[in-house]
Amino acid sequence: MILSKIIWNPVEGIDLGFFVIRFYSLMFVIAFTLGWYLMKKIYIRENISIEKLDSVFIYAVIGTLLGARLGHVFFYDWSYYKNNLLEILLPFRFDPAFEFTGFQGLASHGAAIAFIIAMYYYSKKIIHKHPLWVLDRVTIPAAFGGIFVRLGNFFNSEIIGKESGDSFFGVKFVRNGFSKREALKETGMDSVNKAYSAIVENPKFSNLLEAIPYRHPAQLYEAFGYIFVSIILWLIYWKTDKRNNRGFLFGMYLILIFAVRFIVEYVKTSQGGFEDSLGDSLSTGQWLSIPFVIVGLYFVIQSKKKISD
């Protein structure tokens, strides 16, 4: 029996009349803003010029978003995008008809790779410190940012979990249960929001609501795990001298973040990718997480010698 029943049908964002602030975009803004604030505190402690803070922010934003997009394309949906190359970096669909879609699909593994590359160039071109000095510090706000990205996924009803069955937790993701077109067709409403609201509130459509299964809120599980990762990294930096062990914090970040990702993947629905070609024992996300954990272990082990920069 499900003890915690949640029917999740959020609106897409805050409607200002002339503009809608989408919750997913808002979570990204909060993530990067918090990251800027945390890095400012770190730079002040390290006596680094605040003038160089804006540059790390720009590098981080571009690297994260570009890497996340390309990661989704190449890791999860290359079979589609290889025949629709323009759609990789354009928010449109051209086949079977022209349609504005936004950027549907961002992959955290791709974001992590591009973020590391961006920080390498930042360390060489802007701050002129060892790349691991930079990575040891930027991974702290990166971990905090991951919390809000997963909350954005929850608001978007994406990256949902498997059916929860008798689990204590269960969420009906109404906007994932029916596409916009299906909701309009089934309810006969003249707007998407009205259609989804009718499915939830109108007894006439109770059969539609009943057809949507309760699922694990995998996004919240992952966000909850990232809270602990963020706190651990923050305390290591501020309360210990491990920050002087080059590569230690970066290695811990890789181990902890992708360990959380690996575990939560067990309750996620398949996101596609290459998992079918490697058997069904692990998901694509789990296969991609393993190298990050191994690299993290390497950096933690080799960081024993303290080096000041």
C-alpha atoms as a PDB file:
ATOM      1  CA  MET A   1       0.000   0.000   0.000  1.00  0.00           C
ATOM      2  CA  ILE A   2       1.327   3.459  -0.929  1.00  0.00           C
ATOM      3  CA  LEU A   3       1.353   5.615   2.197  1.00  0.00           C
ATOM      4  CA  SER A   4       2.533   8.862   0.614  1.00  0.00           C
ATOM      5  CA  LYS A   5       0.326   9.601  -2.388  1.00  0.00           C
ATOM      6  CA  ILE A   6       1.200  12.641  -4.459  1.00  0.00           C
ATOM      7  CA  ILE A   7      -0.525  13.731  -7.651  1.00  0.00           C
ATOM      8  CA  TRP A   8       1.980  15.995  -9.393  1.00  0.00           C
ATOM      9  CA  ASN A   9       0.575  18.427 -11.942  1.00  0.00           C
ATOM     10  CA  PRO A  10       2.532  21.693 -11.736  1.00  0.00           C
ATOM     11  CA  VAL A  11       2.046  24.532 -14.196  1.00  0.00           C
ATOM     12  CA  GLU A  12       5.019  25.153 -16.462  1.00  0.00           C
ATOM     13  CA  GLY A  13       6.122  28.298 -14.679  1.00  0.00           C
ATOM     14  CA  ILE A  14       5.306  31.708 -13.274  1.00  0.00           C
ATOM     15  CA  ASP A  15       3.060  33.564 -15.716  1.00  0.00           C
ATOM     16  CA  LEU A  16       3.896  37.277 -15.746  1.00  0.00           C
ATOM     17  CA  GLY A  17       1.368  37.979 -18.490  1.00  0.00           C
ATOM     18  CA  PHE A  18       3.904  39.002 -21.103  1.00  0.00           C
ATOM     19  CA  PHE A  19       6.361  36.232 -20.217  1.00  0.00           C
ATOM     20  CA  VAL A  20       6.412  32.844 -18.479  1.00  0.00           C
ATOM     21  CA  ILE A  21       9.341  32.079 -16.177  1.00  0.00           C
ATOM     22  CA  ARG A  22       9.636  28.323 -16.504  1.00  0.00           C
ATOM     23  CA  PHE A  23      10.517  26.519 -13.280  1.00  0.00           C
ATOM     24  CA  TYR A  24      13.177  24.409 -15.013  1.00  0.00           C
ATOM     25  CA  SER A  25      14.955  27.529 -16.260  1.00  0.00           C
ATOM     26  CA  LEU A  26      14.513  29.168 -12.860  1.00  0.00           C
ATOM     27  CA  MET A  27      16.236  26.227 -11.163  1.00  0.00           C
ATOM     28  CA  PHE A  28      19.211  26.640 -13.521  1.00  0.00           C
ATOM     29  CA  VAL A  29      19.380  30.352 -12.694  1.00  0.00           C
ATOM     30  CA  ILE A  30      19.311  29.577  -8.962  1.00  0.00           C
ATOM     31  CA  ALA A  31      22.000  26.904  -9.409  1.00  0.00           C
ATOM     32  CA  PHE A  32      24.399  29.231 -11.223  1.00  0.00           C
ATOM     33  CA  THR A  33      23.641  32.187  -8.934  1.00  0.00           C
ATOM     34  CA  LEU A  34      24.322  30.093  -5.821  1.00  0.00           C
ATOM     35  CA  GLY A  35      27.462  28.786  -7.487  1.00  0.00           C
ATOM     36  CA  TRP A  36      28.690  32.334  -8.090  1.00  0.00           C
ATOM     37  CA  TYR A  37      28.043  33.236  -4.438  1.00  0.00           C
ATOM     38  CA  LEU A  38      29.860  30.172  -3.088  1.00  0.00           C
ATOM     39  CA  MET A  39      32.848  30.725  -5.391  1.00  0.00           C
ATOM     40  CA  LYS A  40      33.009  34.343  -4.240  1.00  0.00           C
ATOM     41  CA  LYS A  41      33.402  33.163  -0.635  1.00  0.00           C
ATOM     42  CA  ILE A  42      36.102  30.712  -1.718  1.00  0.00           C
ATOM     43  CA  TYR A  43      37.976  33.334  -3.782  1.00  0.00           C
ATOM     44  CA  ILE A  44      37.930  35.770  -0.873  1.00  0.00           C
ATOM     45  CA  ARG A  45      39.386  33.106   1.408  1.00  0.00           C
ATOM     46  CA  GLU A  46      42.060  32.232  -1.152  1.00  0.00           C
ATOM     47  CA  ASN A  47      42.893  35.916  -1.845  1.00  0.00           C
ATOM     48  CA  ILE A  48      41.944  35.558  -5.503  1.00  0.00           C
ATOM     49  CA  SER A  49      40.836  38.674  -7.362  1.00  0.00           C
ATOM     50  CA  ILE A  50      37.041  38.848  -7.602  1.00  0.00           C
ATOM     51  CA  GLU A  51      37.524  40.234 -11.119  1.00  0.00           C
ATOM     52  CA  LYS A  52      38.313  36.677 -12.197  1.00  0.00           C
ATOM     53  CA  LEU A  53      35.055  35.371 -10.762  1.00  0.00           C
ATOM     54  CA  ASP A  54      32.857  36.441 -13.667  1.00  0.00           C
ATOM     55  CA  SER A  55      35.090  34.538 -16.063  1.00  0.00           C
ATOM     56  CA  VAL A  56      34.747  31.252 -14.193  1.00  0.00           C
ATOM     57  CA  PHE A  57      30.981  31.769 -14.185  1.00  0.00           C
ATOM     58  CA  ILE A  58      30.894  32.268 -17.971  1.00  0.00           C
ATOM     59  CA  TYR A  59      33.132  29.252 -18.597  1.00  0.00           C
ATOM     60  CA  ALA A  60      31.004  27.115 -16.267  1.00  0.00           C
ATOM     61  CA  VAL A  61      27.679  28.111 -17.859  1.00  0.00           C
ATOM     62  CA  ILE A  62      28.830  27.569 -21.441  1.00  0.00           C
ATOM     63  CA  GLY A  63      30.647  24.329 -20.637  1.00  0.00           C
ATOM     64  CA  THR A  64      27.797  22.860 -18.598  1.00  0.00           C
ATOM     65  CA  LEU A  65      24.988  23.647 -21.042  1.00  0.00           C
ATOM     66  CA  LEU A  66      26.906  22.762 -24.198  1.00  0.00           C
ATOM     67  CA  GLY A  67      28.268  19.554 -22.678  1.00  0.00           C
ATOM     68  CA  ALA A  68      24.878  18.531 -21.321  1.00  0.00           C
ATOM     69  CA  ARG A  69      23.310  18.965 -24.732  1.00  0.00           C
ATOM     70  CA  LEU A  70      26.029  17.118 -26.644  1.00  0.00           C
ATOM     71  CA  GLY A  71      26.090  14.401 -23.993  1.00  0.00           C
ATOM     72  CA  HIS A  72      22.412  13.688 -24.568  1.00  0.00           C
ATOM     73  CA  VAL A  73      22.900  13.674 -28.327  1.00  0.00           C
ATOM     74  CA  PHE A  74      25.854  11.286 -28.418  1.00  0.00           C
ATOM     75  CA  PHE A  75      25.216   9.116 -25.351  1.00  0.00           C
ATOM     76  CA  TYR A  76      21.451   8.703 -25.537  1.00  0.00           C
ATOM     77  CA  ASP A  77      19.932   9.623 -28.909  1.00  0.00           C
ATOM     78  CA  TRP A  78      22.551   9.606 -31.679  1.00  0.00           C
ATOM     79  CA  SER A  79      20.395   7.319 -33.826  1.00  0.00           C
ATOM     80  CA  TYR A  80      17.949  10.213 -34.192  1.00  0.00           C
ATOM     81  CA  TYR A  81      20.295  13.199 -34.318  1.00  0.00           C
ATOM     82  CA  LYS A  82      22.675  11.716 -36.874  1.00  0.00           C
ATOM     83  CA  ASN A  83      19.863  12.249 -39.378  1.00  0.00           C
ATOM     84  CA  ASN A  84      18.823  15.622 -37.913  1.00  0.00           C
ATOM     85  CA  LEU A  85      22.099  17.424 -37.291  1.00  0.00           C
ATOM     86  CA  LEU A  86      20.623  20.930 -37.253  1.00  0.00           C
ATOM     87  CA  GLU A  87      18.443  20.010 -34.284  1.00  0.00           C
ATOM     88  CA  ILE A  88      21.490  19.366 -32.106  1.00  0.00           C
ATOM     89  CA  LEU A  89      22.045  23.064 -31.428  1.00  0.00           C
ATOM     90  CA  LEU A  90      18.758  24.538 -32.649  1.00  0.00           C
ATOM     91  CA  PRO A  91      15.564  24.423 -30.539  1.00  0.00           C
ATOM     92  CA  PHE A  92      13.450  23.330 -33.506  1.00  0.00           C
ATOM     93  CA  ARG A  93      12.193  20.142 -35.076  1.00  0.00           C
ATOM     94  CA  PHE A  94      11.997  20.056 -38.857  1.00  0.00           C
ATOM     95  CA  ASP A  95      10.548  16.592 -39.440  1.00  0.00           C
ATOM     96  CA  PRO A  96       7.705  15.707 -39.966  1.00  0.00           C
ATOM     97  CA  ALA A  97       6.808  19.414 -39.613  1.00  0.00           C
ATOM     98  CA  PHE A  98       8.504  22.553 -38.324  1.00  0.00           C
ATOM     99  CA  GLU A  99       8.004  22.856 -34.564  1.00  0.00           C
ATOM    100  CA  PHE A 100       9.596  24.809 -31.728  1.00  0.00           C
ATOM    101  CA  THR A 101      10.649  22.200 -29.159  1.00  0.00           C
ATOM    102  CA  GLY A 102      13.241  23.906 -26.977  1.00  0.00           C
ATOM    103  CA  PHE A 103      16.292  21.856 -26.068  1.00  0.00           C
ATOM    104  CA  GLN A 104      14.784  18.511 -25.127  1.00  0.00           C
ATOM    105  CA  GLY A 105      17.503  16.435 -23.587  1.00  0.00           C
ATOM    106  CA  LEU A 106      20.442  17.302 -21.336  1.00  0.00           C
ATOM    107  CA  ALA A 107      22.847  14.696 -19.950  1.00  0.00           C
ATOM    108  CA  SER A 108      24.773  15.208 -16.715  1.00  0.00           C
ATOM    109  CA  HIS A 109      27.676  13.013 -17.831  1.00  0.00           C
ATOM    110  CA  GLY A 110      28.222  15.221 -20.864  1.00  0.00           C
ATOM    111  CA  ALA A 111      27.939  18.290 -18.661  1.00  0.00           C
ATOM    112  CA  ALA A 112      30.610  16.912 -16.317  1.00  0.00           C
ATOM    113  CA  ILE A 113      33.066  16.239 -19.154  1.00  0.00           C
ATOM    114  CA  ALA A 114      32.597  19.672 -20.751  1.00  0.00           C
ATOM    115  CA  PHE A 115      32.720  21.376 -17.338  1.00  0.00           C
ATOM    116  CA  ILE A 116      36.112  19.805 -16.624  1.00  0.00           C
ATOM    117  CA  ILE A 117      37.422  20.901 -20.033  1.00  0.00           C
ATOM    118  CA  ALA A 118      36.090  24.435 -19.515  1.00  0.00           C
ATOM    119  CA  MET A 119      37.761  24.663 -16.101  1.00  0.00           C
ATOM    120  CA  TYR A 120      41.045  23.462 -17.602  1.00  0.00           C
ATOM    121  CA  TYR A 121      41.011  26.334 -20.104  1.00  0.00           C
ATOM    122  CA  TYR A 122      39.956  28.780 -17.387  1.00  0.00           C
ATOM    123  CA  SER A 123      42.866  27.684 -15.194  1.00  0.00           C
ATOM    124  CA  LYS A 124      45.348  28.148 -18.056  1.00  0.00           C
ATOM    125  CA  LYS A 125      43.990  31.299 -19.698  1.00  0.00           C
ATOM    126  CA  ILE A 126      42.521  33.309 -16.810  1.00  0.00           C
ATOM    127  CA  ILE A 127      43.585  32.372 -13.294  1.00  0.00           C
ATOM    128  CA  HIS A 128      46.972  30.760 -14.132  1.00  0.00           C
ATOM    129  CA  LYS A 129      46.793  28.062 -11.492  1.00  0.00           C
ATOM    130  CA  HIS A 130      47.010  24.291 -11.691  1.00  0.00           C
ATOM    131  CA  PRO A 131      43.778  22.847 -13.183  1.00  0.00           C
ATOM    132  CA  LEU A 132      43.258  20.658 -10.113  1.00  0.00           C
ATOM    133  CA  TRP A 133      43.412  23.720  -7.842  1.00  0.00           C
ATOM    134  CA  VAL A 134      40.462  25.108  -9.778  1.00  0.00           C
ATOM    135  CA  LEU A 135      38.579  21.804  -9.996  1.00  0.00           C
ATOM    136  CA  ASP A 136      38.969  21.163  -6.269  1.00  0.00           C
ATOM    137  CA  ARG A 137      37.083  24.377  -5.602  1.00  0.00           C
ATOM    138  CA  VAL A 138      34.488  24.623  -8.372  1.00  0.00           C
ATOM    139  CA  THR A 139      33.185  21.137  -7.636  1.00  0.00           C
ATOM    140  CA  ILE A 140      31.678  22.467  -4.400  1.00  0.00           C
ATOM    141  CA  PRO A 141      29.216  24.863  -6.100  1.00  0.00           C
ATOM    142  CA  ALA A 142      28.772  22.283  -8.876  1.00  0.00           C
ATOM    143  CA  ALA A 143      27.477  19.777  -6.324  1.00  0.00           C
ATOM    144  CA  PHE A 144      25.066  22.340  -4.847  1.00  0.00           C
ATOM    145  CA  GLY A 145      23.922  23.219  -8.371  1.00  0.00           C
ATOM    146  CA  GLY A 146      23.061  19.593  -9.074  1.00  0.00           C
ATOM    147  CA  ILE A 147      20.386  19.752  -6.381  1.00  0.00           C
ATOM    148  CA  PHE A 148      18.482  22.481  -8.208  1.00  0.00           C
ATOM    149  CA  VAL A 149      18.895  20.879 -11.630  1.00  0.00           C
ATOM    150  CA  ARG A 150      17.179  17.738 -10.347  1.00  0.00           C
ATOM    151  CA  LEU A 151      14.438  19.845  -8.758  1.00  0.00           C
ATOM    152  CA  GLY A 152      13.978  21.368 -12.205  1.00  0.00           C
ATOM    153  CA  ASN A 153      13.578  17.861 -13.625  1.00  0.00           C
ATOM    154  CA  PHE A 154      10.925  17.208 -10.984  1.00  0.00           C
ATOM    155  CA  PHE A 155       8.997  20.340 -11.967  1.00  0.00           C
ATOM    156  CA  ASN A 156       9.253  19.219 -15.604  1.00  0.00           C
ATOM    157  CA  SER A 157       8.038  15.690 -14.745  1.00  0.00           C
ATOM    158  CA  GLU A 158      11.053  14.229 -16.544  1.00  0.00           C
ATOM    159  CA  ILE A 159      13.650  11.594 -15.654  1.00  0.00           C
ATOM    160  CA  ILE A 160      10.912   9.836 -13.733  1.00  0.00           C
ATOM    161  CA  GLY A 161      11.238   6.600 -11.797  1.00  0.00           C
ATOM    162  CA  LYS A 162       9.862   3.148 -12.348  1.00  0.00           C
ATOM    163  CA  GLU A 163       6.442   2.201 -11.002  1.00  0.00           C
ATOM    164  CA  SER A 164       6.673   2.285  -7.219  1.00  0.00           C
ATOM    165  CA  GLY A 165       4.242  -0.536  -6.438  1.00  0.00           C
ATOM    166  CA  ASP A 166       3.966  -0.959  -2.662  1.00  0.00           C
ATOM    167  CA  SER A 167       6.765   1.491  -1.966  1.00  0.00           C
ATOM    168  CA  PHE A 168       6.300   4.107   0.756  1.00  0.00           C
ATOM    169  CA  PHE A 169       6.829   6.768  -1.913  1.00  0.00           C
ATOM    170  CA  GLY A 170       4.696   7.231  -4.980  1.00  0.00           C
ATOM    171  CA  VAL A 171       4.005  10.117  -7.359  1.00  0.00           C
ATOM    172  CA  LYS A 172       1.565  10.318 -10.250  1.00  0.00           C
ATOM    173  CA  PHE A 173       3.343  12.439 -12.858  1.00  0.00           C
ATOM    174  CA  VAL A 174       0.252  13.660 -14.683  1.00  0.00           C
ATOM    175  CA  ARG A 175       2.125  15.571 -17.366  1.00  0.00           C
ATOM    176  CA  ASN A 176       4.260  12.563 -18.112  1.00  0.00           C
ATOM    177  CA  GLY A 177       1.295  10.178 -18.154  1.00  0.00           C
ATOM    178  CA  PHE A 178      -0.271  11.932 -21.136  1.00  0.00           C
ATOM    179  CA  SER A 179       1.358  14.066 -23.794  1.00  0.00           C
ATOM    180  CA  LYS A 180      -0.051  17.550 -24.394  1.00  0.00           C
ATOM    181  CA  ARG A 181      -1.768  16.360 -27.557  1.00  0.00           C
ATOM    182  CA  GLU A 182      -3.288  13.342 -25.794  1.00  0.00           C
ATOM    183  CA  ALA A 183      -4.515  15.457 -22.872  1.00  0.00           C
ATOM    184  CA  LEU A 184      -6.241  17.924 -25.214  1.00  0.00           C
ATOM    185  CA  LYS A 185      -7.789  15.132 -27.249  1.00  0.00           C
ATOM    186  CA  GLU A 186      -9.030  13.090 -24.271  1.00  0.00           C
ATOM    187  CA  THR A 187     -10.537  16.053 -22.371  1.00  0.00           C
ATOM    188  CA  GLY A 188     -11.676  18.237 -25.253  1.00  0.00           C
ATOM    189  CA  MET A 189     -10.283  21.300 -23.468  1.00  0.00           C
ATOM    190  CA  ASP A 190      -8.965  24.337 -25.332  1.00  0.00           C
ATOM    191  CA  SER A 191      -5.706  24.703 -23.400  1.00  0.00           C
ATOM    192  CA  VAL A 192      -3.050  22.353 -22.105  1.00  0.00           C
ATOM    193  CA  ASN A 193      -3.216  23.564 -18.491  1.00  0.00           C
ATOM    194  CA  LYS A 194      -6.996  23.198 -18.427  1.00  0.00           C
ATOM    195  CA  ALA A 195      -6.716  19.711 -19.878  1.00  0.00           C
ATOM    196  CA  TYR A 196      -4.264  18.495 -17.233  1.00  0.00           C
ATOM    197  CA  SER A 197      -6.267  20.157 -14.459  1.00  0.00           C
ATOM    198  CA  ALA A 198      -9.414  18.426 -15.689  1.00  0.00           C
ATOM    199  CA  ILE A 199      -7.689  15.034 -15.559  1.00  0.00           C
ATOM    200  CA  VAL A 200      -6.802  15.665 -11.908  1.00  0.00           C
ATOM    201  CA  GLU A 201      -9.908  17.465 -10.663  1.00  0.00           C
ATOM    202  CA  ASN A 202     -12.865  16.466 -12.843  1.00  0.00           C
ATOM    203  CA  PRO A 203     -14.487  13.143 -11.794  1.00  0.00           C
ATOM    204  CA  LYS A 204     -15.551  12.740 -15.419  1.00  0.00           C
ATOM    205  CA  PHE A 205     -11.923  11.929 -16.266  1.00  0.00           C
ATOM    206  CA  SER A 206     -11.141   9.815 -13.220  1.00  0.00           C
ATOM    207  CA  ASN A 207     -10.405   6.871 -15.503  1.00  0.00           C
ATOM    208  CA  LEU A 208      -7.577   8.861 -17.095  1.00  0.00           C
ATOM    209  CA  LEU A 209      -6.080   9.733 -13.720  1.00  0.00           C
ATOM    210  CA  GLU A 210      -6.414   6.135 -12.587  1.00  0.00           C
ATOM    211  CA  ALA A 211      -4.485   4.980 -15.648  1.00  0.00           C
ATOM    212  CA  ILE A 212      -1.407   6.940 -14.558  1.00  0.00           C
ATOM    213  CA  PRO A 213       0.721   4.744 -12.266  1.00  0.00           C
ATOM    214  CA  TYR A 214       2.488   5.886  -9.131  1.00  0.00           C
ATOM    215  CA  ARG A 215       6.218   6.132  -9.754  1.00  0.00           C
ATOM    216  CA  HIS A 216       9.385   6.696  -7.749  1.00  0.00           C
ATOM    217  CA  PRO A 217      10.330  10.413  -7.688  1.00  0.00           C
ATOM    218  CA  ALA A 218      13.846   9.563  -8.861  1.00  0.00           C
ATOM    219  CA  GLN A 219      14.681  13.249  -9.337  1.00  0.00           C
ATOM    220  CA  LEU A 220      14.032  13.926  -5.645  1.00  0.00           C
ATOM    221  CA  TYR A 221      16.036  10.881  -4.563  1.00  0.00           C
ATOM    222  CA  GLU A 222      18.983  12.186  -6.561  1.00  0.00           C
ATOM    223  CA  ALA A 223      18.579  15.763  -5.298  1.00  0.00           C
ATOM    224  CA  PHE A 224      18.459  14.446  -1.717  1.00  0.00           C
ATOM    225  CA  GLY A 225      21.676  12.512  -2.289  1.00  0.00           C
ATOM    226  CA  TYR A 226      23.362  15.602  -3.723  1.00  0.00           C
ATOM    227  CA  ILE A 227      22.492  17.560  -0.572  1.00  0.00           C
ATOM    228  CA  PHE A 228      24.682  15.198   1.450  1.00  0.00           C
ATOM    229  CA  VAL A 229      27.453  15.290  -1.173  1.00  0.00           C
ATOM    230  CA  SER A 230      27.422  19.106  -1.140  1.00  0.00           C
ATOM    231  CA  ILE A 231      27.596  19.297   2.646  1.00  0.00           C
ATOM    232  CA  ILE A 232      30.452  16.778   2.792  1.00  0.00           C
ATOM    233  CA  LEU A 233      32.526  18.684   0.204  1.00  0.00           C
ATOM    234  CA  TRP A 234      31.780  22.022   1.866  1.00  0.00           C
ATOM    235  CA  LEU A 235      32.877  20.753   5.292  1.00  0.00           C
ATOM    236  CA  ILE A 236      36.029  19.153   3.891  1.00  0.00           C
ATOM    237  CA  TYR A 237      37.015  22.449   2.295  1.00  0.00           C
ATOM    238  CA  TRP A 238      36.224  24.717   5.256  1.00  0.00           C
ATOM    239  CA  LYS A 239      36.970  22.461   8.230  1.00  0.00           C
ATOM    240  CA  THR A 240      40.000  20.421   7.144  1.00  0.00           C
ATOM    241  CA  ASP A 241      43.310  20.975   5.379  1.00  0.00           C
ATOM    242  CA  LYS A 242      42.431  18.458   2.654  1.00  0.00           C
ATOM    243  CA  ARG A 243      41.867  21.439   0.329  1.00  0.00           C
ATOM    244  CA  ASN A 244      45.671  21.571   0.082  1.00  0.00           C
ATOM    245  CA  ASN A 245      45.829  17.989  -1.211  1.00  0.00           C
ATOM    246  CA  ARG A 246      45.668  18.668  -4.907  1.00  0.00           C
ATOM    247  CA  GLY A 247      42.909  16.628  -6.531  1.00  0.00           C
ATOM    248  CA  PHE A 248      41.343  15.319  -3.300  1.00  0.00           C
ATOM    249  CA  LEU A 249      38.124  17.366  -3.398  1.00  0.00           C
ATOM    250  CA  PHE A 250      37.757  16.830  -7.141  1.00  0.00           C
ATOM    251  CA  GLY A 251      38.187  13.095  -6.684  1.00  0.00           C
ATOM    252  CA  MET A 252      35.675  12.992  -3.821  1.00  0.00           C
ATOM    253  CA  TYR A 253      33.198  14.928  -5.952  1.00  0.00           C
ATOM    254  CA  LEU A 254      33.455  12.388  -8.774  1.00  0.00           C
ATOM    255  CA  ILE A 255      33.133   9.430  -6.417  1.00  0.00           C
ATOM    256  CA  LEU A 256      30.183  10.749  -4.419  1.00  0.00           C
ATOM    257  CA  ILE A 257      28.159  12.390  -7.183  1.00  0.00           C
ATOM    258  CA  PHE A 258      28.362   9.459  -9.538  1.00  0.00           C
ATOM    259  CA  ALA A 259      27.862   6.911  -6.775  1.00  0.00           C
ATOM    260  CA  VAL A 260      24.556   8.641  -6.020  1.00  0.00           C
ATOM    261  CA  ARG A 261      23.746   8.649  -9.723  1.00  0.00           C
ATOM    262  CA  PHE A 262      24.614   4.942 -10.033  1.00  0.00           C
ATOM    263  CA  ILE A 263      22.351   3.975  -7.113  1.00  0.00           C
ATOM    264  CA  VAL A 264      19.369   6.097  -8.171  1.00  0.00           C
ATOM    265  CA  GLU A 265      19.537   4.642 -11.694  1.00  0.00           C
ATOM    266  CA  TYR A 266      18.105   1.412 -10.262  1.00  0.00           C
ATOM    267  CA  VAL A 267      14.716   3.090  -9.831  1.00  0.00           C
ATOM    268  CA  LYS A 268      14.766   5.273 -12.962  1.00  0.00           C
ATOM    269  CA  THR A 269      12.948   4.434 -16.146  1.00  0.00           C
ATOM    270  CA  SER A 270      15.286   3.778 -19.047  1.00  0.00           C
ATOM    271  CA  GLN A 271      16.632   6.914 -20.692  1.00  0.00           C
ATOM    272  CA  GLY A 272      17.747   4.968 -23.749  1.00  0.00           C
ATOM    273  CA  GLY A 273      21.296   5.028 -25.045  1.00  0.00           C
ATOM    274  CA  PHE A 274      23.585   2.052 -25.560  1.00  0.00           C
ATOM    275  CA  GLU A 275      22.465  -0.110 -22.610  1.00  0.00           C
ATOM    276  CA  ASP A 276      20.687  -2.661 -24.823  1.00  0.00           C
ATOM    277  CA  SER A 277      23.927  -3.505 -26.608  1.00  0.00           C
ATOM    278  CA  LEU A 278      25.633  -4.292 -23.269  1.00  0.00           C
ATOM    279  CA  GLY A 279      22.887  -6.370 -21.730  1.00  0.00           C
ATOM    280  CA  ASP A 280      20.207  -5.276 -19.316  1.00  0.00           C
ATOM    281  CA  SER A 281      22.211  -5.572 -16.093  1.00  0.00           C
ATOM    282  CA  LEU A 282      23.104  -1.856 -15.993  1.00  0.00           C
ATOM    283  CA  SER A 283      21.581   1.281 -17.506  1.00  0.00           C
ATOM    284  CA  THR A 284      23.401   3.696 -19.806  1.00  0.00           C
ATOM    285  CA  GLY A 285      23.680   6.130 -16.888  1.00  0.00           C
ATOM    286  CA  GLN A 286      25.312   3.471 -14.723  1.00  0.00           C
ATOM    287  CA  TRP A 287      27.795   2.451 -17.411  1.00  0.00           C
ATOM    288  CA  LEU A 288      28.743   6.114 -17.864  1.00  0.00           C
ATOM    289  CA  SER A 289      29.099   6.649 -14.105  1.00  0.00           C
ATOM    290  CA  ILE A 290      31.636   3.864 -13.561  1.00  0.00           C
ATOM    291  CA  PRO A 291      34.582   5.624 -15.322  1.00  0.00           C
ATOM    292  CA  PHE A 292      33.927   8.809 -13.320  1.00  0.00           C
ATOM    293  CA  VAL A 293      34.078   6.903 -10.024  1.00  0.00           C
ATOM    294  CA  ILE A 294      37.313   5.172 -11.087  1.00  0.00           C
ATOM    295  CA  VAL A 295      38.891   8.500 -12.077  1.00  0.00           C
ATOM    296  CA  GLY A 296      37.745   9.955  -8.758  1.00  0.00           C
ATOM    297  CA  LEU A 297      39.433   7.132  -6.836  1.00  0.00           C
ATOM    298  CA  TYR A 298      42.644   7.788  -8.762  1.00  0.00           C
ATOM    299  CA  PHE A 299      42.700  11.473  -7.816  1.00  0.00           C
ATOM    300  CA  VAL A 300      41.914  10.769  -4.154  1.00  0.00           C
ATOM    301  CA  ILE A 301      44.750   8.227  -3.944  1.00  0.00           C
ATOM    302  CA  GLN A 302      47.314  10.438  -5.704  1.00  0.00           C
ATOM    303  CA  SER A 303      46.390  13.520  -3.655  1.00  0.00           C
ATOM    304  CA  LYS A 304      48.200  12.435  -0.490  1.00  0.00           C
ATOM    305  CA  LYS A 305      51.074  14.825  -1.069  1.00  0.00           C
ATOM    306  CA  LYS A 306      50.109  18.364  -0.075  1.00  0.00           C
ATOM    307  CA  ILE A 307      50.950  21.010  -2.623  1.00  0.00           C
ATOM    308  CA  SER A 308      50.201  24.688  -2.178  1.00  0.00           C
ATOM    309  CA  ASP A 309      49.541  26.849  -5.218  1.00  0.00           C
END
